[in-house]
Amino acid sequence: GSRSDPVLAKAVQPIMADIATDYAHYVGTQIRHAGLEPDEELRGLTVTWALALPMMAFYRAANPNIRMEQSLLTSLKHMQESLIERQLSSAKRD
């Protein structure tokens, strides 16, 4: 993998950076289409998702742990739903 091969890491890093950037733009667009504001908290959650997914893929290949994956995904989903709910509630009050 790219962790033990510096040449591979150098080749893969720009691709991963582009994927993360594209993902962040996609999520920002979806947030705005839903009528929400992409504030610092939502941007932080987007970054967390973007960092977590490649690591999950790495660990799935190296040492699969479905329970850990489910815990992580459940936690991220709960944070996402809580942020959206708070923003929607705040928008209704305004």
PDB file of N, CA and C in Angstrom:
ATOM      1  N   GLY A   1       0.801  -1.177   0.000  1.00  0.00           N
ATOM      2  CA  GLY A   1       0.000   0.000   0.000  1.00  0.00           C
ATOM      3  C   GLY A   1       0.851   1.252   0.000  1.00  0.00           C
ATOM      4  N   SER A   2       0.196   2.377  -0.115  1.00  0.00           N
ATOM      5  CA  SER A   2       0.918   3.645  -0.214  1.00  0.00           C
ATOM      6  C   SER A   2       1.598   4.036   1.090  1.00  0.00           C
ATOM      7  N   ARG A   3       1.194   3.439   2.212  1.00  0.00           N
ATOM      8  CA  ARG A   3       1.831   3.772   3.486  1.00  0.00           C
ATOM      9  C   ARG A   3       3.279   3.278   3.552  1.00  0.00           C
ATOM     10  N   SER A   4       3.551   2.151   2.887  1.00  0.00           N
ATOM     11  CA  SER A   4       4.900   1.589   2.953  1.00  0.00           C
ATOM     12  C   SER A   4       5.696   1.840   1.683  1.00  0.00           C
ATOM     13  N   ASP A   5       5.092   2.445   0.694  1.00  0.00           N
ATOM     14  CA  ASP A   5       5.766   2.700  -0.576  1.00  0.00           C
ATOM     15  C   ASP A   5       5.723   4.196  -0.878  1.00  0.00           C
ATOM     16  N   PRO A   6       6.841   4.903  -0.652  1.00  0.00           N
ATOM     17  CA  PRO A   6       6.845   6.354  -0.853  1.00  0.00           C
ATOM     18  C   PRO A   6       6.517   6.784  -2.288  1.00  0.00           C
ATOM     19  N   VAL A   7       6.923   5.993  -3.261  1.00  0.00           N
ATOM     20  CA  VAL A   7       6.631   6.336  -4.659  1.00  0.00           C
ATOM     21  C   VAL A   7       5.123   6.251  -4.911  1.00  0.00           C
ATOM     22  N   LEU A   8       4.514   5.187  -4.421  1.00  0.00           N
ATOM     23  CA  LEU A   8       3.069   5.031  -4.560  1.00  0.00           C
ATOM     24  C   LEU A   8       2.338   6.136  -3.794  1.00  0.00           C
ATOM     25  N   ALA A   9       2.800   6.432  -2.597  1.00  0.00           N
ATOM     26  CA  ALA A   9       2.174   7.500  -1.797  1.00  0.00           C
ATOM     27  C   ALA A   9       2.215   8.826  -2.541  1.00  0.00           C
ATOM     28  N   LYS A  10       3.346   9.125  -3.164  1.00  0.00           N
ATOM     29  CA  LYS A  10       3.483  10.382  -3.904  1.00  0.00           C
ATOM     30  C   LYS A  10       2.524  10.410  -5.102  1.00  0.00           C
ATOM     31  N   ALA A  11       2.306   9.260  -5.720  1.00  0.00           N
ATOM     32  CA  ALA A  11       1.403   9.191  -6.868  1.00  0.00           C
ATOM     33  C   ALA A  11      -0.058   9.278  -6.444  1.00  0.00           C
ATOM     34  N   VAL A  12      -0.413   8.678  -5.307  1.00  0.00           N
ATOM     35  CA  VAL A  12      -1.804   8.594  -4.870  1.00  0.00           C
ATOM     36  C   VAL A  12      -2.273   9.868  -4.166  1.00  0.00           C
ATOM     37  N   GLN A  13      -1.397  10.554  -3.478  1.00  0.00           N
ATOM     38  CA  GLN A  13      -1.788  11.716  -2.669  1.00  0.00           C
ATOM     39  C   GLN A  13      -2.552  12.771  -3.463  1.00  0.00           C
ATOM     40  N   PRO A  14      -2.094  13.183  -4.653  1.00  0.00           N
ATOM     41  CA  PRO A  14      -2.876  14.201  -5.382  1.00  0.00           C
ATOM     42  C   PRO A  14      -4.274  13.715  -5.765  1.00  0.00           C
ATOM     43  N   ILE A  15      -4.383  12.451  -6.103  1.00  0.00           N
ATOM     44  CA  ILE A  15      -5.688  11.899  -6.466  1.00  0.00           C
ATOM     45  C   ILE A  15      -6.616  11.932  -5.256  1.00  0.00           C
ATOM     46  N   MET A  16      -6.112  11.501  -4.107  1.00  0.00           N
ATOM     47  CA  MET A  16      -6.930  11.503  -2.892  1.00  0.00           C
ATOM     48  C   MET A  16      -7.322  12.928  -2.510  1.00  0.00           C
ATOM     49  N   ALA A  17      -6.409  13.877  -2.677  1.00  0.00           N
ATOM     50  CA  ALA A  17      -6.724  15.276  -2.370  1.00  0.00           C
ATOM     51  C   ALA A  17      -7.828  15.786  -3.294  1.00  0.00           C
ATOM     52  N   ASP A  18      -7.759  15.430  -4.570  1.00  0.00           N
ATOM     53  CA  ASP A  18      -8.801  15.849  -5.520  1.00  0.00           C
ATOM     54  C   ASP A  18     -10.154  15.236  -5.167  1.00  0.00           C
ATOM     55  N   ILE A  19     -10.142  13.960  -4.799  1.00  0.00           N
ATOM     56  CA  ILE A  19     -11.388  13.295  -4.417  1.00  0.00           C
ATOM     57  C   ILE A  19     -11.995  13.973  -3.189  1.00  0.00           C
ATOM     58  N   ALA A  20     -11.165  14.275  -2.192  1.00  0.00           N
ATOM     59  CA  ALA A  20     -11.650  14.935  -0.972  1.00  0.00           C
ATOM     60  C   ALA A  20     -12.226  16.315  -1.300  1.00  0.00           C
ATOM     61  N   THR A  21     -11.556  17.064  -2.180  1.00  0.00           N
ATOM     62  CA  THR A  21     -12.036  18.393  -2.564  1.00  0.00           C
ATOM     63  C   THR A  21     -13.362  18.291  -3.307  1.00  0.00           C
ATOM     64  N   ASP A  22     -13.448  17.360  -4.252  1.00  0.00           N
ATOM     65  CA  ASP A  22     -14.695  17.167  -4.989  1.00  0.00           C
ATOM     66  C   ASP A  22     -15.832  16.776  -4.052  1.00  0.00           C
ATOM     67  N   TYR A  23     -15.531  15.902  -3.107  1.00  0.00           N
ATOM     68  CA  TYR A  23     -16.548  15.465  -2.148  1.00  0.00           C
ATOM     69  C   TYR A  23     -17.039  16.651  -1.315  1.00  0.00           C
ATOM     70  N   ALA A  24     -16.110  17.472  -0.848  1.00  0.00           N
ATOM     71  CA  ALA A  24     -16.487  18.637  -0.038  1.00  0.00           C
ATOM     72  C   ALA A  24     -17.374  19.587  -0.842  1.00  0.00           C
ATOM     73  N   HIS A  25     -17.052  19.805  -2.107  1.00  0.00           N
ATOM     74  CA  HIS A  25     -17.886  20.675  -2.948  1.00  0.00           C
ATOM     75  C   HIS A  25     -19.263  20.064  -3.159  1.00  0.00           C
ATOM     76  N   TYR A  26     -19.305  18.766  -3.392  1.00  0.00           N
ATOM     77  CA  TYR A  26     -20.581  18.079  -3.571  1.00  0.00           C
ATOM     78  C   TYR A  26     -21.462  18.227  -2.327  1.00  0.00           C
ATOM     79  N   VAL A  27     -20.878  17.964  -1.170  1.00  0.00           N
ATOM     80  CA  VAL A  27     -21.639  18.054   0.081  1.00  0.00           C
ATOM     81  C   VAL A  27     -22.112  19.485   0.315  1.00  0.00           C
ATOM     82  N   GLY A  28     -21.249  20.464   0.061  1.00  0.00           N
ATOM     83  CA  GLY A  28     -21.634  21.864   0.220  1.00  0.00           C
ATOM     84  C   GLY A  28     -22.815  22.226  -0.665  1.00  0.00           C
ATOM     85  N   THR A  29     -22.799  21.733  -1.892  1.00  0.00           N
ATOM     86  CA  THR A  29     -23.906  21.973  -2.819  1.00  0.00           C
ATOM     87  C   THR A  29     -25.191  21.335  -2.306  1.00  0.00           C
ATOM     88  N   GLN A  30     -25.096  20.109  -1.829  1.00  0.00           N
ATOM     89  CA  GLN A  30     -26.275  19.418  -1.298  1.00  0.00           C
ATOM     90  C   GLN A  30     -26.823  20.145  -0.070  1.00  0.00           C
ATOM     91  N   ILE A  31     -25.942  20.639   0.777  1.00  0.00           N
ATOM     92  CA  ILE A  31     -26.360  21.370   1.975  1.00  0.00           C
ATOM     93  C   ILE A  31     -27.127  22.636   1.569  1.00  0.00           C
ATOM     94  N   ARG A  32     -26.588  23.381   0.608  1.00  0.00           N
ATOM     95  CA  ARG A  32     -27.258  24.604   0.161  1.00  0.00           C
ATOM     96  C   ARG A  32     -28.594  24.293  -0.527  1.00  0.00           C
ATOM     97  N   HIS A  33     -28.643  23.231  -1.330  1.00  0.00           N
ATOM     98  CA  HIS A  33     -29.903  22.848  -1.987  1.00  0.00           C
ATOM     99  C   HIS A  33     -30.968  22.474  -0.960  1.00  0.00           C
ATOM    100  N   ALA A  34     -30.544  21.965   0.188  1.00  0.00           N
ATOM    101  CA  ALA A  34     -31.497  21.598   1.242  1.00  0.00           C
ATOM    102  C   ALA A  34     -31.937  22.822   2.044  1.00  0.00           C
ATOM    103  N   GLY A  35     -31.393  24.004   1.713  1.00  0.00           N
ATOM    104  CA  GLY A  35     -31.758  25.221   2.427  1.00  0.00           C
ATOM    105  C   GLY A  35     -30.994  25.418   3.716  1.00  0.00           C
ATOM    106  N   LEU A  36     -29.875  24.704   3.868  1.00  0.00           N
ATOM    107  CA  LEU A  36     -29.058  24.819   5.077  1.00  0.00           C
ATOM    108  C   LEU A  36     -27.821  25.652   4.783  1.00  0.00           C
ATOM    109  N   GLU A  37     -27.176  26.102   5.838  1.00  0.00           N
ATOM    110  CA  GLU A  37     -25.951  26.873   5.720  1.00  0.00           C
ATOM    111  C   GLU A  37     -24.743  25.978   5.986  1.00  0.00           C
ATOM    112  N   PRO A  38     -23.766  25.958   5.081  1.00  0.00           N
ATOM    113  CA  PRO A  38     -22.559  25.173   5.336  1.00  0.00           C
ATOM    114  C   PRO A  38     -21.643  25.901   6.339  1.00  0.00           C
ATOM    115  N   ASP A  39     -22.015  25.841   7.623  1.00  0.00           N
ATOM    116  CA  ASP A  39     -21.242  26.523   8.662  1.00  0.00           C
ATOM    117  C   ASP A  39     -20.015  25.681   9.057  1.00  0.00           C
ATOM    118  N   GLU A  40     -19.254  26.187  10.007  1.00  0.00           N
ATOM    119  CA  GLU A  40     -18.029  25.493  10.431  1.00  0.00           C
ATOM    120  C   GLU A  40     -18.301  24.076  10.917  1.00  0.00           C
ATOM    121  N   GLU A  41     -19.395  23.900  11.623  1.00  0.00           N
ATOM    122  CA  GLU A  41     -19.712  22.579  12.161  1.00  0.00           C
ATOM    123  C   GLU A  41     -19.994  21.576  11.039  1.00  0.00           C
ATOM    124  N   LEU A  42     -20.776  21.997  10.040  1.00  0.00           N
ATOM    125  CA  LEU A  42     -21.057  21.113   8.908  1.00  0.00           C
ATOM    126  C   LEU A  42     -19.805  20.876   8.064  1.00  0.00           C
ATOM    127  N   ARG A  43     -18.982  21.911   7.905  1.00  0.00           N
ATOM    128  CA  ARG A  43     -17.727  21.722   7.170  1.00  0.00           C
ATOM    129  C   ARG A  43     -16.819  20.753   7.912  1.00  0.00           C
ATOM    130  N   GLY A  44     -16.781  20.856   9.238  1.00  0.00           N
ATOM    131  CA  GLY A  44     -15.980  19.931  10.029  1.00  0.00           C
ATOM    132  C   GLY A  44     -16.466  18.501   9.898  1.00  0.00           C
ATOM    133  N   LEU A  45     -17.771  18.329   9.872  1.00  0.00           N
ATOM    134  CA  LEU A  45     -18.323  16.988   9.699  1.00  0.00           C
ATOM    135  C   LEU A  45     -17.994  16.442   8.313  1.00  0.00           C
ATOM    136  N   THR A  46     -18.042  17.296   7.305  1.00  0.00           N
ATOM    137  CA  THR A  46     -17.674  16.874   5.949  1.00  0.00           C
ATOM    138  C   THR A  46     -16.224  16.411   5.904  1.00  0.00           C
ATOM    139  N   VAL A  47     -15.344  17.155   6.545  1.00  0.00           N
ATOM    140  CA  VAL A  47     -13.930  16.761   6.599  1.00  0.00           C
ATOM    141  C   VAL A  47     -13.780  15.424   7.324  1.00  0.00           C
ATOM    142  N   THR A  48     -14.527  15.255   8.403  1.00  0.00           N
ATOM    143  CA  THR A  48     -14.468  13.994   9.153  1.00  0.00           C
ATOM    144  C   THR A  48     -14.887  12.827   8.270  1.00  0.00           C
ATOM    145  N   TRP A  49     -15.980  12.997   7.526  1.00  0.00           N
ATOM    146  CA  TRP A  49     -16.408  11.944   6.595  1.00  0.00           C
ATOM    147  C   TRP A  49     -15.322  11.679   5.565  1.00  0.00           C
ATOM    148  N   ALA A  50     -14.772  12.750   4.975  1.00  0.00           N
ATOM    149  CA  ALA A  50     -13.766  12.592   3.925  1.00  0.00           C
ATOM    150  C   ALA A  50     -12.518  11.874   4.437  1.00  0.00           C
ATOM    151  N   LEU A  51     -12.160  12.087   5.695  1.00  0.00           N
ATOM    152  CA  LEU A  51     -11.001  11.403   6.275  1.00  0.00           C
ATOM    153  C   LEU A  51     -11.339   9.983   6.710  1.00  0.00           C
ATOM    154  N   ALA A  52     -12.553   9.785   7.183  1.00  0.00           N
ATOM    155  CA  ALA A  52     -12.930   8.478   7.724  1.00  0.00           C
ATOM    156  C   ALA A  52     -13.103   7.414   6.640  1.00  0.00           C
ATOM    157  N   LEU A  53     -13.678   7.775   5.519  1.00  0.00           N
ATOM    158  CA  LEU A  53     -13.981   6.773   4.504  1.00  0.00           C
ATOM    159  C   LEU A  53     -12.740   6.084   3.935  1.00  0.00           C
ATOM    160  N   PRO A  54     -11.696   6.824   3.553  1.00  0.00           N
ATOM    161  CA  PRO A  54     -10.506   6.117   3.066  1.00  0.00           C
ATOM    162  C   PRO A  54      -9.855   5.241   4.149  1.00  0.00           C
ATOM    163  N   MET A  55      -9.895   5.705   5.394  1.00  0.00           N
ATOM    164  CA  MET A  55      -9.319   4.896   6.468  1.00  0.00           C
ATOM    165  C   MET A  55     -10.130   3.624   6.683  1.00  0.00           C
ATOM    166  N   MET A  56     -11.442   3.722   6.552  1.00  0.00           N
ATOM    167  CA  MET A  56     -12.268   2.528   6.676  1.00  0.00           C
ATOM    168  C   MET A  56     -11.928   1.537   5.564  1.00  0.00           C
ATOM    169  N   ALA A  57     -11.726   2.039   4.357  1.00  0.00           N
ATOM    170  CA  ALA A  57     -11.364   1.154   3.243  1.00  0.00           C
ATOM    171  C   ALA A  57     -10.014   0.491   3.505  1.00  0.00           C
ATOM    172  N   PHE A  58      -9.076   1.266   4.028  1.00  0.00           N
ATOM    173  CA  PHE A  58      -7.749   0.712   4.350  1.00  0.00           C
ATOM    174  C   PHE A  58      -7.864  -0.385   5.407  1.00  0.00           C
ATOM    175  N   TYR A  59      -8.571  -0.104   6.481  1.00  0.00           N
ATOM    176  CA  TYR A  59      -8.699  -1.089   7.548  1.00  0.00           C
ATOM    177  C   TYR A  59      -9.533  -2.296   7.128  1.00  0.00           C
ATOM    178  N   ARG A  60     -10.500  -2.081   6.235  1.00  0.00           N
ATOM    179  CA  ARG A  60     -11.292  -3.215   5.754  1.00  0.00           C
ATOM    180  C   ARG A  60     -10.387  -4.185   4.992  1.00  0.00           C
ATOM    181  N   ALA A  61      -9.451  -3.638   4.215  1.00  0.00           N
ATOM    182  CA  ALA A  61      -8.533  -4.494   3.463  1.00  0.00           C
ATOM    183  C   ALA A  61      -7.490  -5.142   4.374  1.00  0.00           C
ATOM    184  N   ALA A  62      -7.006  -4.391   5.374  1.00  0.00           N
ATOM    185  CA  ALA A  62      -5.923  -4.887   6.232  1.00  0.00           C
ATOM    186  C   ALA A  62      -6.417  -5.739   7.393  1.00  0.00           C
ATOM    187  N   ASN A  63      -7.482  -5.299   8.049  1.00  0.00           N
ATOM    188  CA  ASN A  63      -7.953  -5.976   9.254  1.00  0.00           C
ATOM    189  C   ASN A  63      -9.441  -5.691   9.420  1.00  0.00           C
ATOM    190  N   PRO A  64     -10.295  -6.418   8.700  1.00  0.00           N
ATOM    191  CA  PRO A  64     -11.736  -6.113   8.727  1.00  0.00           C
ATOM    192  C   PRO A  64     -12.327  -6.168  10.141  1.00  0.00           C
ATOM    193  N   ASN A  65     -13.092  -5.136  10.462  1.00  0.00           N
ATOM    194  CA  ASN A  65     -13.780  -5.081  11.742  1.00  0.00           C
ATOM    195  C   ASN A  65     -15.133  -4.406  11.498  1.00  0.00           C
ATOM    196  N   ILE A  66     -16.098  -5.223  11.137  1.00  0.00           N
ATOM    197  CA  ILE A  66     -17.422  -4.707  10.769  1.00  0.00           C
ATOM    198  C   ILE A  66     -18.061  -3.944  11.927  1.00  0.00           C
ATOM    199  N   ARG A  67     -17.860  -4.402  13.139  1.00  0.00           N
ATOM    200  CA  ARG A  67     -18.440  -3.724  14.310  1.00  0.00           C
ATOM    201  C   ARG A  67     -17.895  -2.300  14.445  1.00  0.00           C
ATOM    202  N   MET A  68     -16.580  -2.122  14.215  1.00  0.00           N
ATOM    203  CA  MET A  68     -15.978  -0.789  14.281  1.00  0.00           C
ATOM    204  C   MET A  68     -16.550   0.095  13.174  1.00  0.00           C
ATOM    205  N   GLU A  69     -16.674  -0.465  11.975  1.00  0.00           N
ATOM    206  CA  GLU A  69     -17.240   0.295  10.868  1.00  0.00           C
ATOM    207  C   GLU A  69     -18.657   0.750  11.182  1.00  0.00           C
ATOM    208  N   GLN A  70     -19.470  -0.156  11.679  1.00  0.00           N
ATOM    209  CA  GLN A  70     -20.852   0.181  12.003  1.00  0.00           C
ATOM    210  C   GLN A  70     -20.920   1.266  13.074  1.00  0.00           C
ATOM    211  N   SER A  71     -20.059   1.171  14.069  1.00  0.00           N
ATOM    212  CA  SER A  71     -20.031   2.188  15.127  1.00  0.00           C
ATOM    213  C   SER A  71     -19.662   3.547  14.563  1.00  0.00           C
ATOM    214  N   LEU A  72     -18.648   3.578  13.717  1.00  0.00           N
ATOM    215  CA  LEU A  72     -18.215   4.838  13.120  1.00  0.00           C
ATOM    216  C   LEU A  72     -19.312   5.423  12.240  1.00  0.00           C
ATOM    217  N   LEU A  73     -19.889   4.601  11.373  1.00  0.00           N
ATOM    218  CA  LEU A  73     -20.932   5.094  10.478  1.00  0.00           C
ATOM    219  C   LEU A  73     -22.164   5.569  11.242  1.00  0.00           C
ATOM    220  N   THR A  74     -22.537   4.839  12.282  1.00  0.00           N
ATOM    221  CA  THR A  74     -23.681   5.239  13.103  1.00  0.00           C
ATOM    222  C   THR A  74     -23.412   6.577  13.780  1.00  0.00           C
ATOM    223  N   SER A  75     -22.216   6.736  14.307  1.00  0.00           N
ATOM    224  CA  SER A  75     -21.857   7.986  14.973  1.00  0.00           C
ATOM    225  C   SER A  75     -21.857   9.160  13.998  1.00  0.00           C
ATOM    226  N   LEU A  76     -21.249   8.986  12.840  1.00  0.00           N
ATOM    227  CA  LEU A  76     -21.217  10.058  11.846  1.00  0.00           C
ATOM    228  C   LEU A  76     -22.625  10.402  11.359  1.00  0.00           C
ATOM    229  N   LYS A  77     -23.433   9.383  11.134  1.00  0.00           N
ATOM    230  CA  LYS A  77     -24.806   9.616  10.688  1.00  0.00           C
ATOM    231  C   LYS A  77     -25.595  10.386  11.746  1.00  0.00           C
ATOM    232  N   HIS A  78     -25.420  10.011  13.016  1.00  0.00           N
ATOM    233  CA  HIS A  78     -26.120  10.701  14.098  1.00  0.00           C
ATOM    234  C   HIS A  78     -25.685  12.166  14.171  1.00  0.00           C
ATOM    235  N   MET A  79     -24.382  12.430  14.067  1.00  0.00           N
ATOM    236  CA  MET A  79     -23.899  13.812  14.096  1.00  0.00           C
ATOM    237  C   MET A  79     -24.487  14.604  12.936  1.00  0.00           C
ATOM    238  N   GLN A  80     -24.505  13.996  11.763  1.00  0.00           N
ATOM    239  CA  GLN A  80     -25.039  14.662  10.579  1.00  0.00           C
ATOM    240  C   GLN A  80     -26.519  14.987  10.765  1.00  0.00           C
ATOM    241  N   GLU A  81     -27.282  14.014  11.227  1.00  0.00           N
ATOM    242  CA  GLU A  81     -28.723  14.241  11.426  1.00  0.00           C
ATOM    243  C   GLU A  81     -28.981  15.300  12.498  1.00  0.00           C
ATOM    244  N   SER A  82     -28.189  15.299  13.552  1.00  0.00           N
ATOM    245  CA  SER A  82     -28.349  16.299  14.620  1.00  0.00           C
ATOM    246  C   SER A  82     -28.060  17.703  14.110  1.00  0.00           C
ATOM    247  N   LEU A  83     -27.005  17.845  13.309  1.00  0.00           N
ATOM    248  CA  LEU A  83     -26.679  19.159  12.756  1.00  0.00           C
ATOM    249  C   LEU A  83     -27.786  19.654  11.829  1.00  0.00           C
ATOM    250  N   ILE A  84     -28.276  18.777  10.985  1.00  0.00           N
ATOM    251  CA  ILE A  84     -29.348  19.160  10.055  1.00  0.00           C
ATOM    252  C   ILE A  84     -30.608  19.529  10.829  1.00  0.00           C
ATOM    253  N   GLU A  85     -30.948  18.733  11.814  1.00  0.00           N
ATOM    254  CA  GLU A  85     -32.137  19.013  12.621  1.00  0.00           C
ATOM    255  C   GLU A  85     -32.015  20.369  13.321  1.00  0.00           C
ATOM    256  N   ARG A  86     -30.842  20.659  13.892  1.00  0.00           N
ATOM    257  CA  ARG A  86     -30.643  21.950  14.565  1.00  0.00           C
ATOM    258  C   ARG A  86     -30.794  23.102  13.590  1.00  0.00           C
ATOM    259  N   GLN A  87     -30.203  22.961  12.403  1.00  0.00           N
ATOM    260  CA  GLN A  87     -30.315  24.052  11.431  1.00  0.00           C
ATOM    261  C   GLN A  87     -31.750  24.242  10.958  1.00  0.00           C
ATOM    262  N   LEU A  88     -32.447  23.146  10.708  1.00  0.00           N
ATOM    263  CA  LEU A  88     -33.835  23.271  10.275  1.00  0.00           C
ATOM    264  C   LEU A  88     -34.705  23.889  11.372  1.00  0.00           C
ATOM    265  N   SER A  89     -34.475  23.494  12.620  1.00  0.00           N
ATOM    266  CA  SER A  89     -35.233  24.063  13.738  1.00  0.00           C
ATOM    267  C   SER A  89     -34.947  25.547  13.867  1.00  0.00           C
ATOM    268  N   SER A  90     -33.702  25.935  13.704  1.00  0.00           N
ATOM    269  CA  SER A  90     -33.305  27.330  13.804  1.00  0.00           C
ATOM    270  C   SER A  90     -33.938  28.142  12.672  1.00  0.00           C
ATOM    271  N   ALA A  91     -33.982  27.584  11.472  1.00  0.00           N
ATOM    272  CA  ALA A  91     -34.561  28.271  10.325  1.00  0.00           C
ATOM    273  C   ALA A  91     -36.060  28.498  10.511  1.00  0.00           C
ATOM    274  N   LYS A  92     -36.726  27.538  11.133  1.00  0.00           N
ATOM    275  CA  LYS A  92     -38.171  27.673  11.366  1.00  0.00           C
ATOM    276  C   LYS A  92     -38.464  28.786  12.363  1.00  0.00           C
ATOM    277  N   ARG A  93     -37.567  28.974  13.347  1.00  0.00           N
ATOM    278  CA  ARG A  93     -37.768  30.023  14.357  1.00  0.00           C
ATOM    279  C   ARG A  93     -37.534  31.411  13.797  1.00  0.00           C
ATOM    280  N   ASP A  94     -36.699  31.508  12.776  1.00  0.00           N
ATOM    281  CA  ASP A  94     -36.363  32.838  12.203  1.00  0.00           C
ATOM    282  C   ASP A  94     -37.427  33.397  11.330  1.00  0.00           C
TER     283      ASP A  94
END
